[in-house]
Amino acid sequence: MLSYPGSYQEVVEVGAVDLNKKIAIFSESNKNVDLVGPGVGILSTYKGGGYARLSGTSMATPHISGGSALIIKLCESKQEFDRTLSEDEIYAQLIKRTTPLAESKRLVGNGLLDLAKE
């Protein structure tokens, strides 16, 4: 089943895995999942000024967004490109840094983001 906005071509659809790298029960399952990030039991800020352990693709997506920002800065610092990276180039750099998982590609896409990979 397709869901939006994740199913739009120009959107990076992010799924969620737990600490054991198993797909979260609430995570999307379709051909548009691009990659996954940690999304179960994530310590986050919470209303009232406190903290709580939260789960959801809304917890996994900030990991991927932050990872994208770090990748952009890494490419800039290494001067791999003499210009601003395009969306497609950023996406390729992101996918290049995934680790395949044993789950179906419909669940985990290209795998788990691993920023230690170059």
PDB file of N, CA and C in Angstrom:
ATOM      1  N   MET A   1       0.837  -1.171   0.000  1.00  0.00           N
ATOM      2  CA  MET A   1       0.000   0.000   0.000  1.00  0.00           C
ATOM      3  C   MET A   1       0.892   1.248   0.000  1.00  0.00           C
ATOM      4  N   LEU A   2       0.594   2.167  -0.863  1.00  0.00           N
ATOM      5  CA  LEU A   2       1.374   3.398  -0.956  1.00  0.00           C
ATOM      6  C   LEU A   2       0.882   4.407   0.071  1.00  0.00           C
ATOM      7  N   SER A   3       1.810   5.195   0.584  1.00  0.00           N
ATOM      8  CA  SER A   3       1.450   6.268   1.509  1.00  0.00           C
ATOM      9  C   SER A   3       2.134   7.546   1.043  1.00  0.00           C
ATOM     10  N   TYR A   4       1.551   8.647   1.398  1.00  0.00           N
ATOM     11  CA  TYR A   4       2.068   9.941   0.959  1.00  0.00           C
ATOM     12  C   TYR A   4       2.370  10.818   2.164  1.00  0.00           C
ATOM     13  N   PRO A   5       3.394  11.619   2.103  1.00  0.00           N
ATOM     14  CA  PRO A   5       4.138  12.036   0.922  1.00  0.00           C
ATOM     15  C   PRO A   5       5.259  11.081   0.515  1.00  0.00           C
ATOM     16  N   GLY A   6       5.528  10.030   1.291  1.00  0.00           N
ATOM     17  CA  GLY A   6       6.650   9.139   1.024  1.00  0.00           C
ATOM     18  C   GLY A   6       6.685   8.519  -0.351  1.00  0.00           C
ATOM     19  N   SER A   7       5.543   8.359  -0.984  1.00  0.00           N
ATOM     20  CA  SER A   7       5.503   7.705  -2.292  1.00  0.00           C
ATOM     21  C   SER A   7       5.771   8.648  -3.459  1.00  0.00           C
ATOM     22  N   TYR A   8       5.865   9.937  -3.192  1.00  0.00           N
ATOM     23  CA  TYR A   8       6.245  10.851  -4.267  1.00  0.00           C
ATOM     24  C   TYR A   8       7.699  10.597  -4.648  1.00  0.00           C
ATOM     25  N   GLN A   9       7.992  10.668  -5.927  1.00  0.00           N
ATOM     26  CA  GLN A   9       9.324  10.382  -6.454  1.00  0.00           C
ATOM     27  C   GLN A   9      10.412  11.233  -5.801  1.00  0.00           C
ATOM     28  N   GLU A  10      10.112  12.496  -5.551  1.00  0.00           N
ATOM     29  CA  GLU A  10      11.140  13.406  -5.037  1.00  0.00           C
ATOM     30  C   GLU A  10      11.319  13.355  -3.516  1.00  0.00           C
ATOM     31  N   VAL A  11      10.617  12.449  -2.853  1.00  0.00           N
ATOM     32  CA  VAL A  11      10.697  12.314  -1.394  1.00  0.00           C
ATOM     33  C   VAL A  11      11.531  11.089  -1.031  1.00  0.00           C
ATOM     34  N   VAL A  12      12.388  11.228  -0.032  1.00  0.00           N
ATOM     35  CA  VAL A  12      13.132  10.084   0.498  1.00  0.00           C
ATOM     36  C   VAL A  12      12.235   9.439   1.552  1.00  0.00           C
ATOM     37  N   GLU A  13      11.772   8.219   1.269  1.00  0.00           N
ATOM     38  CA  GLU A  13      10.896   7.528   2.227  1.00  0.00           C
ATOM     39  C   GLU A  13      11.756   6.750   3.218  1.00  0.00           C
ATOM     40  N   VAL A  14      11.544   7.036   4.488  1.00  0.00           N
ATOM     41  CA  VAL A  14      12.347   6.467   5.565  1.00  0.00           C
ATOM     42  C   VAL A  14      11.509   5.492   6.383  1.00  0.00           C
ATOM     43  N   GLY A  15      12.053   4.293   6.571  1.00  0.00           N
ATOM     44  CA  GLY A  15      11.442   3.313   7.458  1.00  0.00           C
ATOM     45  C   GLY A  15      12.166   3.314   8.793  1.00  0.00           C
ATOM     46  N   ALA A  16      11.653   2.529   9.736  1.00  0.00           N
ATOM     47  CA  ALA A  16      12.237   2.499  11.079  1.00  0.00           C
ATOM     48  C   ALA A  16      12.600   1.078  11.488  1.00  0.00           C
ATOM     49  N   VAL A  17      13.739   0.959  12.178  1.00  0.00           N
ATOM     50  CA  VAL A  17      14.165  -0.323  12.741  1.00  0.00           C
ATOM     51  C   VAL A  17      14.410  -0.152  14.236  1.00  0.00           C
ATOM     52  N   ASP A  18      14.444  -1.300  14.937  1.00  0.00           N
ATOM     53  CA  ASP A  18      14.739  -1.277  16.368  1.00  0.00           C
ATOM     54  C   ASP A  18      16.240  -1.477  16.597  1.00  0.00           C
ATOM     55  N   LEU A  19      16.640  -1.605  17.854  1.00  0.00           N
ATOM     56  CA  LEU A  19      18.064  -1.765  18.180  1.00  0.00           C
ATOM     57  C   LEU A  19      18.669  -3.039  17.611  1.00  0.00           C
ATOM     58  N   ASN A  20      17.824  -4.039  17.342  1.00  0.00           N
ATOM     59  CA  ASN A  20      18.289  -5.302  16.765  1.00  0.00           C
ATOM     60  C   ASN A  20      18.278  -5.279  15.241  1.00  0.00           C
ATOM     61  N   LYS A  21      18.045  -4.102  14.670  1.00  0.00           N
ATOM     62  CA  LYS A  21      17.986  -3.900  13.217  1.00  0.00           C
ATOM     63  C   LYS A  21      16.842  -4.669  12.570  1.00  0.00           C
ATOM     64  N   LYS A  22      15.775  -4.873  13.342  1.00  0.00           N
ATOM     65  CA  LYS A  22      14.560  -5.506  12.835  1.00  0.00           C
ATOM     66  C   LYS A  22      13.560  -4.406  12.521  1.00  0.00           C
ATOM     67  N   ILE A  23      12.823  -4.594  11.449  1.00  0.00           N
ATOM     68  CA  ILE A  23      11.867  -3.583  11.024  1.00  0.00           C
ATOM     69  C   ILE A  23      10.802  -3.376  12.096  1.00  0.00           C
ATOM     70  N   ALA A  24      10.464  -2.138  12.351  1.00  0.00           N
ATOM     71  CA  ALA A  24       9.432  -1.807  13.330  1.00  0.00           C
ATOM     72  C   ALA A  24       8.066  -2.163  12.759  1.00  0.00           C
ATOM     73  N   ILE A  25       7.184  -2.642  13.609  1.00  0.00           N
ATOM     74  CA  ILE A  25       5.864  -3.096  13.164  1.00  0.00           C
ATOM     75  C   ILE A  25       5.075  -1.982  12.479  1.00  0.00           C
ATOM     76  N   PHE A  26       5.319  -0.738  12.832  1.00  0.00           N
ATOM     77  CA  PHE A  26       4.571   0.393  12.279  1.00  0.00           C
ATOM     78  C   PHE A  26       5.195   0.953  11.003  1.00  0.00           C
ATOM     79  N   SER A  27       6.368   0.466  10.622  1.00  0.00           N
ATOM     80  CA  SER A  27       7.097   1.034   9.496  1.00  0.00           C
ATOM     81  C   SER A  27       6.416   0.711   8.169  1.00  0.00           C
ATOM     82  N   GLU A  28       6.609   1.578   7.192  1.00  0.00           N
ATOM     83  CA  GLU A  28       6.041   1.378   5.853  1.00  0.00           C
ATOM     84  C   GLU A  28       6.568   0.113   5.197  1.00  0.00           C
ATOM     85  N   SER A  29       5.776  -0.443   4.333  1.00  0.00           N
ATOM     86  CA  SER A  29       6.178  -1.604   3.541  1.00  0.00           C
ATOM     87  C   SER A  29       5.686  -1.398   2.117  1.00  0.00           C
ATOM     88  N   ASN A  30       6.555  -0.895   1.271  1.00  0.00           N
ATOM     89  CA  ASN A  30       6.222  -0.734  -0.144  1.00  0.00           C
ATOM     90  C   ASN A  30       7.498  -0.509  -0.937  1.00  0.00           C
ATOM     91  N   LYS A  31       7.368  -0.466  -2.236  1.00  0.00           N
ATOM     92  CA  LYS A  31       8.528  -0.360  -3.125  1.00  0.00           C
ATOM     93  C   LYS A  31       9.232   0.992  -3.042  1.00  0.00           C
ATOM     94  N   ASN A  32       8.647   1.947  -2.336  1.00  0.00           N
ATOM     95  CA  ASN A  32       9.220   3.288  -2.276  1.00  0.00           C
ATOM     96  C   ASN A  32      10.117   3.542  -1.072  1.00  0.00           C
ATOM     97  N   VAL A  33      10.227   2.578  -0.146  1.00  0.00           N
ATOM     98  CA  VAL A  33      11.104   2.773   1.011  1.00  0.00           C
ATOM     99  C   VAL A  33      12.540   2.866   0.497  1.00  0.00           C
ATOM    100  N   ASP A  34      13.212   3.952   0.819  1.00  0.00           N
ATOM    101  CA  ASP A  34      14.579   4.174   0.345  1.00  0.00           C
ATOM    102  C   ASP A  34      15.623   3.619   1.304  1.00  0.00           C
ATOM    103  N   LEU A  35      15.435   3.844   2.582  1.00  0.00           N
ATOM    104  CA  LEU A  35      16.372   3.380   3.602  1.00  0.00           C
ATOM    105  C   LEU A  35      15.704   3.473   4.959  1.00  0.00           C
ATOM    106  N   VAL A  36      16.379   2.951   5.980  1.00  0.00           N
ATOM    107  CA  VAL A  36      15.818   2.959   7.327  1.00  0.00           C
ATOM    108  C   VAL A  36      16.795   3.596   8.308  1.00  0.00           C
ATOM    109  N   GLY A  37      16.231   4.022   9.424  1.00  0.00           N
ATOM    110  CA  GLY A  37      17.017   4.567  10.521  1.00  0.00           C
ATOM    111  C   GLY A  37      16.432   4.082  11.832  1.00  0.00           C
ATOM    112  N   PRO A  38      17.132   4.319  12.937  1.00  0.00           N
ATOM    113  CA  PRO A  38      16.611   3.902  14.236  1.00  0.00           C
ATOM    114  C   PRO A  38      15.331   4.666  14.563  1.00  0.00           C
ATOM    115  N   GLY A  39      14.283   3.926  14.937  1.00  0.00           N
ATOM    116  CA  GLY A  39      13.003   4.576  15.185  1.00  0.00           C
ATOM    117  C   GLY A  39      12.193   3.976  16.316  1.00  0.00           C
ATOM    118  N   VAL A  40      12.799   3.147  17.151  1.00  0.00           N
ATOM    119  CA  VAL A  40      12.076   2.512  18.259  1.00  0.00           C
ATOM    120  C   VAL A  40      12.777   2.855  19.573  1.00  0.00           C
ATOM    121  N   GLY A  41      12.008   3.394  20.511  1.00  0.00           N
ATOM    122  CA  GLY A  41      12.550   3.714  21.829  1.00  0.00           C
ATOM    123  C   GLY A  41      13.606   4.797  21.812  1.00  0.00           C
ATOM    124  N   ILE A  42      13.417   5.802  20.980  1.00  0.00           N
ATOM    125  CA  ILE A  42      14.389   6.885  20.842  1.00  0.00           C
ATOM    126  C   ILE A  42      14.138   7.946  21.920  1.00  0.00           C
ATOM    127  N   LEU A  43      15.169   8.288  22.667  1.00  0.00           N
ATOM    128  CA  LEU A  43      15.045   9.325  23.687  1.00  0.00           C
ATOM    129  C   LEU A  43      14.906  10.673  22.994  1.00  0.00           C
ATOM    130  N   SER A  44      13.826  11.368  23.305  1.00  0.00           N
ATOM    131  CA  SER A  44      13.535  12.631  22.638  1.00  0.00           C
ATOM    132  C   SER A  44      12.987  13.636  23.641  1.00  0.00           C
ATOM    133  N   THR A  45      13.041  14.894  23.261  1.00  0.00           N
ATOM    134  CA  THR A  45      12.390  15.905  24.088  1.00  0.00           C
ATOM    135  C   THR A  45      10.890  15.660  24.055  1.00  0.00           C
ATOM    136  N   TYR A  46      10.227  16.108  25.103  1.00  0.00           N
ATOM    137  CA  TYR A  46       8.794  15.851  25.210  1.00  0.00           C
ATOM    138  C   TYR A  46       8.115  17.072  25.811  1.00  0.00           C
ATOM    139  N   LYS A  47       6.820  17.167  25.587  1.00  0.00           N
ATOM    140  CA  LYS A  47       6.079  18.329  26.083  1.00  0.00           C
ATOM    141  C   LYS A  47       6.284  18.505  27.590  1.00  0.00           C
ATOM    142  N   GLY A  48       6.234  19.735  28.014  1.00  0.00           N
ATOM    143  CA  GLY A  48       6.431  20.043  29.422  1.00  0.00           C
ATOM    144  C   GLY A  48       7.896  20.167  29.810  1.00  0.00           C
ATOM    145  N   GLY A  49       8.798  20.131  28.819  1.00  0.00           N
ATOM    146  CA  GLY A  49      10.217  20.301  29.092  1.00  0.00           C
ATOM    147  C   GLY A  49      10.943  19.042  29.506  1.00  0.00           C
ATOM    148  N   GLY A  50      10.295  17.899  29.383  1.00  0.00           N
ATOM    149  CA  GLY A  50      10.935  16.652  29.781  1.00  0.00           C
ATOM    150  C   GLY A  50      11.449  15.852  28.601  1.00  0.00           C
ATOM    151  N   TYR A  51      11.690  14.584  28.876  1.00  0.00           N
ATOM    152  CA  TYR A  51      12.172  13.643  27.869  1.00  0.00           C
ATOM    153  C   TYR A  51      11.315  12.390  27.924  1.00  0.00           C
ATOM    154  N   ALA A  52      11.226  11.704  26.799  1.00  0.00           N
ATOM    155  CA  ALA A  52      10.476  10.450  26.738  1.00  0.00           C
ATOM    156  C   ALA A  52      11.073   9.576  25.651  1.00  0.00           C
ATOM    157  N   ARG A  53      10.856   8.283  25.766  1.00  0.00           N
ATOM    158  CA  ARG A  53      11.260   7.350  24.713  1.00  0.00           C
ATOM    159  C   ARG A  53      10.090   7.244  23.742  1.00  0.00           C
ATOM    160  N   LEU A  54      10.351   7.605  22.504  1.00  0.00           N
ATOM    161  CA  LEU A  54       9.311   7.635  21.482  1.00  0.00           C
ATOM    162  C   LEU A  54       9.673   6.699  20.341  1.00  0.00           C
ATOM    163  N   SER A  55       8.659   6.270  19.614  1.00  0.00           N
ATOM    164  CA  SER A  55       8.863   5.381  18.470  1.00  0.00           C
ATOM    165  C   SER A  55       8.072   5.891  17.282  1.00  0.00           C
ATOM    166  N   GLY A  56       8.626   5.701  16.097  1.00  0.00           N
ATOM    167  CA  GLY A  56       7.930   6.080  14.878  1.00  0.00           C
ATOM    168  C   GLY A  56       8.920   6.403  13.770  1.00  0.00           C
ATOM    169  N   THR A  57       8.408   6.437  12.556  1.00  0.00           N
ATOM    170  CA  THR A  57       9.271   6.882  11.470  1.00  0.00           C
ATOM    171  C   THR A  57       9.612   8.358  11.674  1.00  0.00           C
ATOM    172  N   SER A  58       8.803   9.039  12.485  1.00  0.00           N
ATOM    173  CA  SER A  58       9.107  10.431  12.836  1.00  0.00           C
ATOM    174  C   SER A  58      10.329  10.523  13.747  1.00  0.00           C
ATOM    175  N   MET A  59      10.771   9.421  14.298  1.00  0.00           N
ATOM    176  CA  MET A  59      12.024   9.371  15.061  1.00  0.00           C
ATOM    177  C   MET A  59      13.179   8.971  14.142  1.00  0.00           C
ATOM    178  N   ALA A  60      12.904   8.130  13.150  1.00  0.00           N
ATOM    179  CA  ALA A  60      13.937   7.672  12.213  1.00  0.00           C
ATOM    180  C   ALA A  60      14.320   8.775  11.220  1.00  0.00           C
ATOM    181  N   THR A  61      13.352   9.534  10.779  1.00  0.00           N
ATOM    182  CA  THR A  61      13.594  10.554   9.760  1.00  0.00           C
ATOM    183  C   THR A  61      14.612  11.612  10.185  1.00  0.00           C
ATOM    184  N   PRO A  62      14.590  12.116  11.426  1.00  0.00           N
ATOM    185  CA  PRO A  62      15.625  13.082  11.810  1.00  0.00           C
ATOM    186  C   PRO A  62      17.042  12.502  11.755  1.00  0.00           C
ATOM    187  N   HIS A  63      17.185  11.205  12.004  1.00  0.00           N
ATOM    188  CA  HIS A  63      18.505  10.580  11.872  1.00  0.00           C
ATOM    189  C   HIS A  63      18.986  10.674  10.423  1.00  0.00           C
ATOM    190  N   ILE A  64      18.080  10.409   9.495  1.00  0.00           N
ATOM    191  CA  ILE A  64      18.438  10.444   8.077  1.00  0.00           C
ATOM    192  C   ILE A  64      18.707  11.887   7.632  1.00  0.00           C
ATOM    193  N   SER A  65      17.883  12.822   8.093  1.00  0.00           N
ATOM    194  CA  SER A  65      18.087  14.235   7.745  1.00  0.00           C
ATOM    195  C   SER A  65      19.421  14.740   8.273  1.00  0.00           C
ATOM    196  N   GLY A  66      19.713  14.417   9.523  1.00  0.00           N
ATOM    197  CA  GLY A  66      20.997  14.809  10.105  1.00  0.00           C
ATOM    198  C   GLY A  66      22.162  14.164   9.383  1.00  0.00           C
ATOM    199  N   GLY A  67      21.981  12.892   9.019  1.00  0.00           N
ATOM    200  CA  GLY A  67      23.013  12.190   8.257  1.00  0.00           C
ATOM    201  C   GLY A  67      23.259  12.847   6.915  1.00  0.00           C
ATOM    202  N   SER A  68      22.193  13.287   6.271  1.00  0.00           N
ATOM    203  CA  SER A  68      22.325  13.982   4.984  1.00  0.00           C
ATOM    204  C   SER A  68      23.134  15.263   5.145  1.00  0.00           C
ATOM    205  N   ALA A  69      22.855  16.006   6.203  1.00  0.00           N
ATOM    206  CA  ALA A  69      23.593  17.249   6.451  1.00  0.00           C
ATOM    207  C   ALA A  69      25.076  16.962   6.685  1.00  0.00           C
ATOM    208  N   LEU A  70      25.375  15.914   7.443  1.00  0.00           N
ATOM    209  CA  LEU A  70      26.776  15.554   7.687  1.00  0.00           C
ATOM    210  C   LEU A  70      27.481  15.127   6.400  1.00  0.00           C
ATOM    211  N   ILE A  71      26.767  14.394   5.555  1.00  0.00           N
ATOM    212  CA  ILE A  71      27.338  13.961   4.275  1.00  0.00           C
ATOM    213  C   ILE A  71      27.653  15.169   3.394  1.00  0.00           C
ATOM    214  N   ILE A  72      26.743  16.127   3.352  1.00  0.00           N
ATOM    215  CA  ILE A  72      26.974  17.342   2.558  1.00  0.00           C
ATOM    216  C   ILE A  72      28.229  18.054   3.051  1.00  0.00           C
ATOM    217  N   LYS A  73      28.349  18.224   4.368  1.00  0.00           N
ATOM    218  CA  LYS A  73      29.529  18.897   4.930  1.00  0.00           C
ATOM    219  C   LYS A  73      30.803  18.106   4.656  1.00  0.00           C
ATOM    220  N   LEU A  74      30.727  16.784   4.735  1.00  0.00           N
ATOM    221  CA  LEU A  74      31.893  15.948   4.453  1.00  0.00           C
ATOM    222  C   LEU A  74      32.356  16.142   3.014  1.00  0.00           C
ATOM    223  N   CYS A  75      31.416  16.103   2.079  1.00  0.00           N
ATOM    224  CA  CYS A  75      31.766  16.287   0.667  1.00  0.00           C
ATOM    225  C   CYS A  75      32.351  17.674   0.428  1.00  0.00           C
ATOM    226  N   GLU A  76      31.791  18.685   1.105  1.00  0.00           N
ATOM    227  CA  GLU A  76      32.327  20.042   0.965  1.00  0.00           C
ATOM    228  C   GLU A  76      33.739  20.134   1.530  1.00  0.00           C
ATOM    229  N   SER A  77      33.966  19.530   2.685  1.00  0.00           N
ATOM    230  CA  SER A  77      35.283  19.636   3.324  1.00  0.00           C
ATOM    231  C   SER A  77      36.363  18.882   2.553  1.00  0.00           C
ATOM    232  N   LYS A  78      35.972  17.807   1.886  1.00  0.00           N
ATOM    233  CA  LYS A  78      36.932  17.052   1.078  1.00  0.00           C
ATOM    234  C   LYS A  78      37.091  17.657  -0.307  1.00  0.00           C
ATOM    235  N   GLN A  79      36.271  18.643  -0.606  1.00  0.00           N
ATOM    236  CA  GLN A  79      36.253  19.300  -1.908  1.00  0.00           C
ATOM    237  C   GLN A  79      36.099  18.290  -3.043  1.00  0.00           C
ATOM    238  N   GLU A  80      35.211  17.297  -2.796  1.00  0.00           N
ATOM    239  CA  GLU A  80      34.927  16.301  -3.833  1.00  0.00           C
ATOM    240  C   GLU A  80      34.201  16.932  -5.016  1.00  0.00           C
ATOM    241  N   PHE A  81      33.459  17.981  -4.734  1.00  0.00           N
ATOM    242  CA  PHE A  81      32.701  18.668  -5.772  1.00  0.00           C
ATOM    243  C   PHE A  81      33.072  20.144  -5.710  1.00  0.00           C
ATOM    244  N   ASP A  82      33.125  20.793  -6.861  1.00  0.00           N
ATOM    245  CA  ASP A  82      33.464  22.219  -6.880  1.00  0.00           C
ATOM    246  C   ASP A  82      32.214  23.090  -6.967  1.00  0.00           C
ATOM    247  N   ARG A  83      31.110  22.542  -6.505  1.00  0.00           N
ATOM    248  CA  ARG A  83      29.829  23.246  -6.552  1.00  0.00           C
ATOM    249  C   ARG A  83      28.912  22.632  -5.505  1.00  0.00           C
ATOM    250  N   THR A  84      27.731  23.190  -5.369  1.00  0.00           N
ATOM    251  CA  THR A  84      26.726  22.636  -4.465  1.00  0.00           C
ATOM    252  C   THR A  84      26.197  21.332  -5.050  1.00  0.00           C
ATOM    253  N   LEU A  85      26.064  20.325  -4.215  1.00  0.00           N
ATOM    254  CA  LEU A  85      25.546  19.036  -4.691  1.00  0.00           C
ATOM    255  C   LEU A  85      24.075  19.159  -5.078  1.00  0.00           C
ATOM    256  N   SER A  86      23.688  18.441  -6.122  1.00  0.00           N
ATOM    257  CA  SER A  86      22.281  18.396  -6.522  1.00  0.00           C
ATOM    258  C   SER A  86      21.540  17.434  -5.592  1.00  0.00           C
ATOM    259  N   GLU A  87      20.226  17.465  -5.633  1.00  0.00           N
ATOM    260  CA  GLU A  87      19.426  16.535  -4.825  1.00  0.00           C
ATOM    261  C   GLU A  87      19.774  15.091  -5.170  1.00  0.00           C
ATOM    262  N   ASP A  88      19.934  14.796  -6.457  1.00  0.00           N
ATOM    263  CA  ASP A  88      20.265  13.430  -6.874  1.00  0.00           C
ATOM    264  C   ASP A  88      21.631  12.998  -6.351  1.00  0.00           C
ATOM    265  N   GLU A  89      22.591  13.921  -6.332  1.00  0.00           N
ATOM    266  CA  GLU A  89      23.927  13.591  -5.824  1.00  0.00           C
ATOM    267  C   GLU A  89      23.902  13.359  -4.313  1.00  0.00           C
ATOM    268  N   ILE A  90      23.132  14.168  -3.602  1.00  0.00           N
ATOM    269  CA  ILE A  90      22.997  13.968  -2.155  1.00  0.00           C
ATOM    270  C   ILE A  90      22.354  12.614  -1.891  1.00  0.00           C
ATOM    271  N   TYR A  91      21.311  12.291  -2.650  1.00  0.00           N
ATOM    272  CA  TYR A  91      20.637  10.998  -2.499  1.00  0.00           C
ATOM    273  C   TYR A  91      21.623   9.853  -2.753  1.00  0.00           C
ATOM    274  N   ALA A  92      22.408   9.953  -3.806  1.00  0.00           N
ATOM    275  CA  ALA A  92      23.380   8.900  -4.131  1.00  0.00           C
ATOM    276  C   ALA A  92      24.409   8.748  -3.015  1.00  0.00           C
ATOM    277  N   GLN A  93      24.872   9.865  -2.451  1.00  0.00           N
ATOM    278  CA  GLN A  93      25.827   9.815  -1.346  1.00  0.00           C
ATOM    279  C   GLN A  93      25.195   9.170  -0.108  1.00  0.00           C
ATOM    280  N   LEU A  94      23.927   9.429   0.110  1.00  0.00           N
ATOM    281  CA  LEU A  94      23.197   8.844   1.238  1.00  0.00           C
ATOM    282  C   LEU A  94      23.071   7.334   1.067  1.00  0.00           C
ATOM    283  N   ILE A  95      22.619   6.898  -0.101  1.00  0.00           N
ATOM    284  CA  ILE A  95      22.414   5.470  -0.367  1.00  0.00           C
ATOM    285  C   ILE A  95      23.745   4.722  -0.367  1.00  0.00           C
ATOM    286  N   LYS A  96      24.803   5.370  -0.816  1.00  0.00           N
ATOM    287  CA  LYS A  96      26.141   4.761  -0.811  1.00  0.00           C
ATOM    288  C   LYS A  96      26.567   4.381   0.611  1.00  0.00           C
ATOM    289  N   ARG A  97      25.992   5.052   1.590  1.00  0.00           N
ATOM    290  CA  ARG A  97      26.360   4.835   2.988  1.00  0.00           C
ATOM    291  C   ARG A  97      25.308   4.026   3.745  1.00  0.00           C
ATOM    292  N   THR A  98      24.657   3.110   3.069  1.00  0.00           N
ATOM    293  CA  THR A  98      23.721   2.212   3.748  1.00  0.00           C
ATOM    294  C   THR A  98      24.325   0.820   3.851  1.00  0.00           C
ATOM    295  N   THR A  99      23.874   0.097   4.854  1.00  0.00           N
ATOM    296  CA  THR A  99      24.267  -1.295   5.035  1.00  0.00           C
ATOM    297  C   THR A  99      23.035  -2.149   4.795  1.00  0.00           C
ATOM    298  N   PRO A 100      23.090  -3.078   3.839  1.00  0.00           N
ATOM    299  CA  PRO A 100      21.927  -3.932   3.585  1.00  0.00           C
ATOM    300  C   PRO A 100      21.551  -4.728   4.835  1.00  0.00           C
ATOM    301  N   LEU A 101      20.268  -4.944   5.011  1.00  0.00           N
ATOM    302  CA  LEU A 101      19.768  -5.741   6.129  1.00  0.00           C
ATOM    303  C   LEU A 101      19.119  -7.008   5.597  1.00  0.00           C
ATOM    304  N   ALA A 102      18.900  -7.969   6.481  1.00  0.00           N
ATOM    305  CA  ALA A 102      18.351  -9.267   6.087  1.00  0.00           C
ATOM    306  C   ALA A 102      16.857  -9.207   5.775  1.00  0.00           C
ATOM    307  N   GLU A 103      16.227  -8.093   6.010  1.00  0.00           N
ATOM    308  CA  GLU A 103      14.794  -7.940   5.760  1.00  0.00           C
ATOM    309  C   GLU A 103      14.532  -7.697   4.265  1.00  0.00           C
ATOM    310  N   SER A 104      13.282  -7.860   3.868  1.00  0.00           N
ATOM    311  CA  SER A 104      12.864  -7.603   2.494  1.00  0.00           C
ATOM    312  C   SER A 104      13.153  -6.152   2.104  1.00  0.00           C
ATOM    313  N   LYS A 105      13.555  -5.956   0.853  1.00  0.00           N
ATOM    314  CA  LYS A 105      13.817  -4.606   0.342  1.00  0.00           C
ATOM    315  C   LYS A 105      12.562  -3.736   0.420  1.00  0.00           C
ATOM    316  N   ARG A 106      11.385  -4.344   0.373  1.00  0.00           N
ATOM    317  CA  ARG A 106      10.133  -3.590   0.520  1.00  0.00           C
ATOM    318  C   ARG A 106      10.005  -2.998   1.923  1.00  0.00           C
ATOM    319  N   LEU A 107      10.722  -3.573   2.869  1.00  0.00           N
ATOM    320  CA  LEU A 107      10.674  -3.087   4.249  1.00  0.00           C
ATOM    321  C   LEU A 107      11.807  -2.117   4.564  1.00  0.00           C
ATOM    322  N   VAL A 108      13.000  -2.420   4.072  1.00  0.00           N
ATOM    323  CA  VAL A 108      14.185  -1.637   4.467  1.00  0.00           C
ATOM    324  C   VAL A 108      14.851  -0.886   3.318  1.00  0.00           C
ATOM    325  N   GLY A 109      14.306  -0.976   2.124  1.00  0.00           N
ATOM    326  CA  GLY A 109      14.908  -0.272   0.990  1.00  0.00           C
ATOM    327  C   GLY A 109      16.351  -0.688   0.787  1.00  0.00           C
ATOM    328  N   ASN A 110      17.236   0.281   0.702  1.00  0.00           N
ATOM    329  CA  ASN A 110      18.662   0.009   0.495  1.00  0.00           C
ATOM    330  C   ASN A 110      19.386  -0.392   1.771  1.00  0.00           C
ATOM    331  N   GLY A 111      18.723  -0.262   2.911  1.00  0.00           N
ATOM    332  CA  GLY A 111      19.316  -0.677   4.178  1.00  0.00           C
ATOM    333  C   GLY A 111      19.370   0.428   5.210  1.00  0.00           C
ATOM    334  N   LEU A 112      20.198   0.197   6.224  1.00  0.00           N
ATOM    335  CA  LEU A 112      20.351   1.089   7.372  1.00  0.00           C
ATOM    336  C   LEU A 112      21.465   2.103   7.106  1.00  0.00           C
ATOM    337  N   LEU A 113      21.186   3.376   7.345  1.00  0.00           N
ATOM    338  CA  LEU A 113      22.209   4.406   7.170  1.00  0.00           C
ATOM    339  C   LEU A 113      23.382   4.119   8.094  1.00  0.00           C
ATOM    340  N   ASP A 114      24.585   4.137   7.534  1.00  0.00           N
ATOM    341  CA  ASP A 114      25.816   3.878   8.280  1.00  0.00           C
ATOM    342  C   ASP A 114      26.819   4.962   7.906  1.00  0.00           C
ATOM    343  N   LEU A 115      26.911   5.983   8.726  1.00  0.00           N
ATOM    344  CA  LEU A 115      27.771   7.122   8.402  1.00  0.00           C
ATOM    345  C   LEU A 115      29.252   6.810   8.500  1.00  0.00           C
ATOM    346  N   ALA A 116      29.604   5.644   9.028  1.00  0.00           N
ATOM    347  CA  ALA A 116      31.013   5.244   9.075  1.00  0.00           C
ATOM    348  C   ALA A 116      31.508   4.797   7.700  1.00  0.00           C
ATOM    349  N   LYS A 117      30.580   4.485   6.793  1.00  0.00           N
ATOM    350  CA  LYS A 117      30.959   4.076   5.433  1.00  0.00           C
ATOM    351  C   LYS A 117      31.340   5.301   4.614  1.00  0.00           C
ATOM    352  N   GLU A 118      32.302   5.114   3.723  1.00  0.00           N
ATOM    353  CA  GLU A 118      32.688   6.214   2.825  1.00  0.00           C
ATOM    354  C   GLU A 118      32.503   5.806   1.405  1.00  0.00           C
TER     355      GLU A 118
END
